[in-house]
Amino acid sequence: MPTPTKGPRLGGGPAHQRRMLANLSVSLFEHKSIKTTLTKAKRLQPYAERLVSFAKQGDLPARRKVQGLIAGNSRTNKSVVHELFTVIGPAMANRDGGYTRITKIGNRAGDNAPMAVIELVMEPVSPKQAVVAEAEAVAGSAAEEAPAEETVETPEAVEADDAVETEETEETPEAAEKADEEDK
């Protein structure tokens, strides 16, 4: 027997919560984005991501498991399960998690309940971003392992560097004429 969730349930008993999560997930997969309270969105996120993980497997036992979890109006749910396994699952094939995104949108006018939009993240994962993130992680770990050498600049060294820079950047009119003649 699974361990029940801690804290108050969404509106009633455990059966009511299961049905509510199933209905919210059907709406999420059907419309790709729904607006609900923040509490419901936070409870829905792991449930929906688990269903997407089953859809990524794509086999018949996974399809039957999902169908059993969102059972209800069989005609509607069969079309949602079909869309989940044929459209959403393959679209998430390269993604290792994080199939949904919750965005807070403020409070509801009537009862001041915090509202949120939960949506499926359908954008493909960019391999370039993953490579850049890995390179930054490797560079960060290498920088932590080898401490940087500290250089102490004396006032004389700073003045000498400034003098070298000004000599290189200053160009006299005679030098400019010589450069022009050499170019010809």
Protein backbone atom coordinates (compact mmCIF):
# COMPACT_ATOMS: atom_id res chain seq x y z
CA MET A 1 0.00 0.00 0.00
CA PRO A 2 1.50 3.36 -0.98
CA THR A 3 2.20 5.90 1.72
CA PRO A 4 -0.49 8.60 1.69
CA THR A 5 0.55 12.16 1.03
CA LYS A 6 1.12 14.30 4.08
CA GLY A 7 -0.99 17.30 4.91
CA PRO A 8 -4.49 18.22 3.85
CA ARG A 9 -5.86 16.74 0.67
CA LEU A 10 -7.18 18.74 -2.24
CA GLY A 11 -10.80 19.13 -1.30
CA GLY A 12 -11.60 15.87 0.49
CA GLY A 13 -10.59 12.26 0.73
CA PRO A 14 -7.93 10.33 -1.12
CA ALA A 15 -10.29 9.13 -3.86
CA HIS A 16 -11.39 12.69 -4.54
CA GLN A 17 -7.78 13.82 -4.78
CA ARG A 18 -6.93 11.01 -7.24
CA ARG A 19 -9.89 11.94 -9.45
CA MET A 20 -9.00 15.64 -9.28
CA LEU A 21 -5.38 14.99 -10.29
CA ALA A 22 -6.54 12.69 -13.09
CA ASN A 23 -8.95 15.32 -14.43
CA LEU A 24 -6.32 18.08 -14.18
CA SER A 25 -3.78 15.93 -16.01
CA VAL A 26 -6.30 15.15 -18.78
CA SER A 27 -6.93 18.87 -19.20
CA LEU A 28 -3.19 19.58 -19.18
CA PHE A 29 -2.45 17.01 -21.90
CA GLU A 30 -5.46 18.09 -23.93
CA HIS A 31 -4.80 21.85 -23.85
CA LYS A 32 -1.01 21.82 -23.16
CA SER A 33 -1.51 24.57 -20.55
CA ILE A 34 -4.05 25.17 -17.78
CA LYS A 35 -4.67 27.86 -15.20
CA THR A 36 -5.35 26.64 -11.66
CA THR A 37 -4.45 27.40 -8.07
CA LEU A 38 -0.81 27.19 -7.10
CA THR A 39 -1.45 24.34 -4.66
CA LYS A 40 -3.18 22.22 -7.29
CA ALA A 41 -0.43 22.97 -9.80
CA LYS A 42 2.27 21.89 -7.35
CA ARG A 43 0.39 18.64 -6.62
CA LEU A 44 -0.26 18.04 -10.33
CA GLN A 45 3.34 18.51 -11.49
CA PRO A 46 4.86 15.21 -10.25
CA TYR A 47 1.72 13.30 -11.26
CA ALA A 48 1.79 14.65 -14.83
CA GLU A 49 5.55 14.17 -15.16
CA ARG A 50 5.15 10.55 -14.12
CA LEU A 51 2.54 10.06 -16.84
CA VAL A 52 4.86 11.63 -19.42
CA SER A 53 7.62 9.27 -18.30
CA PHE A 54 5.28 6.35 -18.99
CA ALA A 55 4.50 7.87 -22.40
CA LYS A 56 8.20 8.02 -23.23
CA GLN A 57 8.40 4.25 -22.69
CA GLY A 58 5.75 3.86 -25.36
CA ASP A 59 4.96 0.18 -24.76
CA LEU A 60 1.55 -1.39 -24.22
CA PRO A 61 1.89 -1.99 -20.45
CA ALA A 62 2.76 1.69 -19.95
CA ARG A 63 -0.23 2.72 -22.06
CA ARG A 64 -2.54 0.52 -19.98
CA LYS A 65 -1.07 1.90 -16.75
CA VAL A 66 -1.75 5.48 -17.88
CA GLN A 67 -5.23 4.55 -19.05
CA GLY A 68 -5.94 3.08 -15.61
CA LEU A 69 -4.60 6.15 -13.81
CA ILE A 70 -6.77 8.60 -15.74
CA ALA A 71 -9.82 6.35 -16.20
CA GLY A 72 -13.18 8.00 -16.39
CA ASN A 73 -14.91 9.07 -19.58
CA SER A 74 -13.30 6.42 -21.75
CA ARG A 75 -13.80 8.10 -25.14
CA THR A 76 -12.18 11.38 -24.08
CA ASN A 77 -9.43 9.72 -22.08
CA LYS A 78 -8.55 7.29 -24.87
CA SER A 79 -7.96 10.20 -27.22
CA VAL A 80 -5.87 11.96 -24.57
CA VAL A 81 -3.83 8.81 -23.93
CA HIS A 82 -3.34 8.42 -27.68
CA GLU A 83 -2.13 12.03 -27.97
CA LEU A 84 0.11 11.57 -24.91
CA PHE A 85 1.79 8.50 -26.42
CA THR A 86 1.98 9.67 -30.05
CA VAL A 87 2.68 13.42 -29.75
CA ILE A 88 3.83 14.40 -26.26
CA GLY A 89 5.95 11.33 -25.43
CA PRO A 90 8.09 11.47 -28.59
CA ALA A 91 8.45 15.25 -28.23
CA MET A 92 9.92 14.71 -24.75
CA ALA A 93 12.24 11.87 -25.84
CA ASN A 94 15.44 13.91 -25.50
CA ARG A 95 14.42 15.59 -22.26
CA ASP A 96 15.53 13.95 -19.00
CA GLY A 97 12.82 15.48 -16.83
CA GLY A 98 11.24 18.85 -16.27
CA TYR A 99 8.36 18.17 -18.63
CA THR A 100 6.14 20.81 -17.00
CA ARG A 101 6.60 24.43 -15.97
CA ILE A 102 4.68 26.34 -13.30
CA THR A 103 4.38 30.12 -13.63
CA LYS A 104 2.78 32.18 -10.89
CA ILE A 105 0.30 34.72 -12.24
CA GLY A 106 -0.97 36.53 -9.15
CA ASN A 107 -4.03 36.14 -6.97
CA ARG A 108 -7.61 35.35 -7.95
CA ALA A 109 -9.99 38.28 -7.63
CA GLY A 110 -12.76 36.50 -5.71
CA ASP A 111 -10.96 34.80 -2.84
CA ASN A 112 -7.37 36.05 -3.26
CA ALA A 113 -6.10 32.49 -3.90
CA PRO A 114 -2.65 32.37 -5.51
CA MET A 115 -3.02 31.30 -9.14
CA ALA A 116 -0.57 29.64 -11.50
CA VAL A 117 -0.30 28.41 -15.06
CA ILE A 118 1.07 24.90 -15.48
CA GLU A 119 2.18 24.04 -18.99
CA LEU A 120 4.01 21.34 -20.88
CA VAL A 121 7.53 22.30 -21.94
CA MET A 122 7.38 21.36 -25.61
CA GLU A 123 10.51 23.23 -26.74
CA PRO A 124 13.29 20.85 -27.76
CA VAL A 125 16.33 20.62 -25.54
CA SER A 126 19.18 22.54 -27.11
CA PRO A 127 22.33 20.39 -27.18
CA LYS A 128 24.42 23.55 -27.43
CA GLN A 129 23.13 24.77 -24.05
CA ALA A 130 23.87 21.39 -22.52
CA VAL A 131 27.44 21.42 -23.88
CA VAL A 132 28.01 24.99 -22.67
CA ALA A 133 26.68 24.11 -19.22
CA GLU A 134 28.98 21.07 -19.03
CA ALA A 135 31.97 23.16 -20.15
CA GLU A 136 31.22 25.78 -17.51
CA ALA A 137 30.92 23.07 -14.87
CA VAL A 138 34.27 21.55 -15.90
CA ALA A 139 35.94 24.97 -15.97
CA GLY A 140 34.46 25.81 -12.57
CA SER A 141 35.71 22.59 -11.05
CA ALA A 142 39.19 23.09 -12.59
CA ALA A 143 39.33 26.63 -11.21
CA GLU A 144 38.43 25.35 -7.76
CA GLU A 145 41.11 22.65 -7.86
CA ALA A 146 44.00 24.91 -8.96
CA PRO A 147 44.17 28.08 -6.90
CA ALA A 148 45.00 31.16 -8.91
CA GLU A 149 48.39 32.75 -8.41
CA GLU A 150 48.13 36.10 -6.77
CA THR A 151 50.03 38.94 -8.40
CA VAL A 152 50.88 42.02 -6.45
CA GLU A 153 51.32 45.13 -8.52
CA THR A 154 53.62 47.79 -7.21
CA PRO A 155 53.01 51.44 -8.03
CA GLU A 156 56.19 51.46 -10.15
CA ALA A 157 54.96 48.51 -12.23
CA VAL A 158 51.58 50.19 -12.81
CA GLU A 159 53.31 53.44 -13.96
CA ALA A 160 55.61 51.48 -16.29
CA ASP A 161 52.62 49.64 -17.85
CA ASP A 162 50.80 52.95 -18.36
CA ALA A 163 53.88 54.49 -19.99
CA VAL A 164 54.22 51.57 -22.42
CA GLU A 165 50.54 51.82 -23.36
CA THR A 166 50.73 55.58 -24.00
CA GLU A 167 53.87 55.19 -26.15
CA GLU A 168 52.15 52.59 -28.30
CA THR A 169 48.94 54.59 -28.73
CA GLU A 170 50.43 58.04 -29.34
CA GLU A 171 51.10 58.73 -33.00
CA THR A 172 52.90 61.87 -34.12
CA PRO A 173 52.17 63.54 -37.46
CA GLU A 174 55.67 62.67 -38.73
CA ALA A 175 55.15 59.00 -37.92
CA ALA A 176 51.80 59.05 -39.74
CA GLU A 177 53.43 60.57 -42.86
CA LYS A 178 56.20 57.95 -42.79
CA ALA A 179 53.62 55.17 -42.56
CA ASP A 180 51.71 56.62 -45.53
CA GLU A 181 54.89 56.86 -47.64
CA GLU A 182 55.81 53.25 -46.77
CA ASP A 183 52.35 52.06 -47.81
CA LYS A 184 52.79 53.66 -51.27
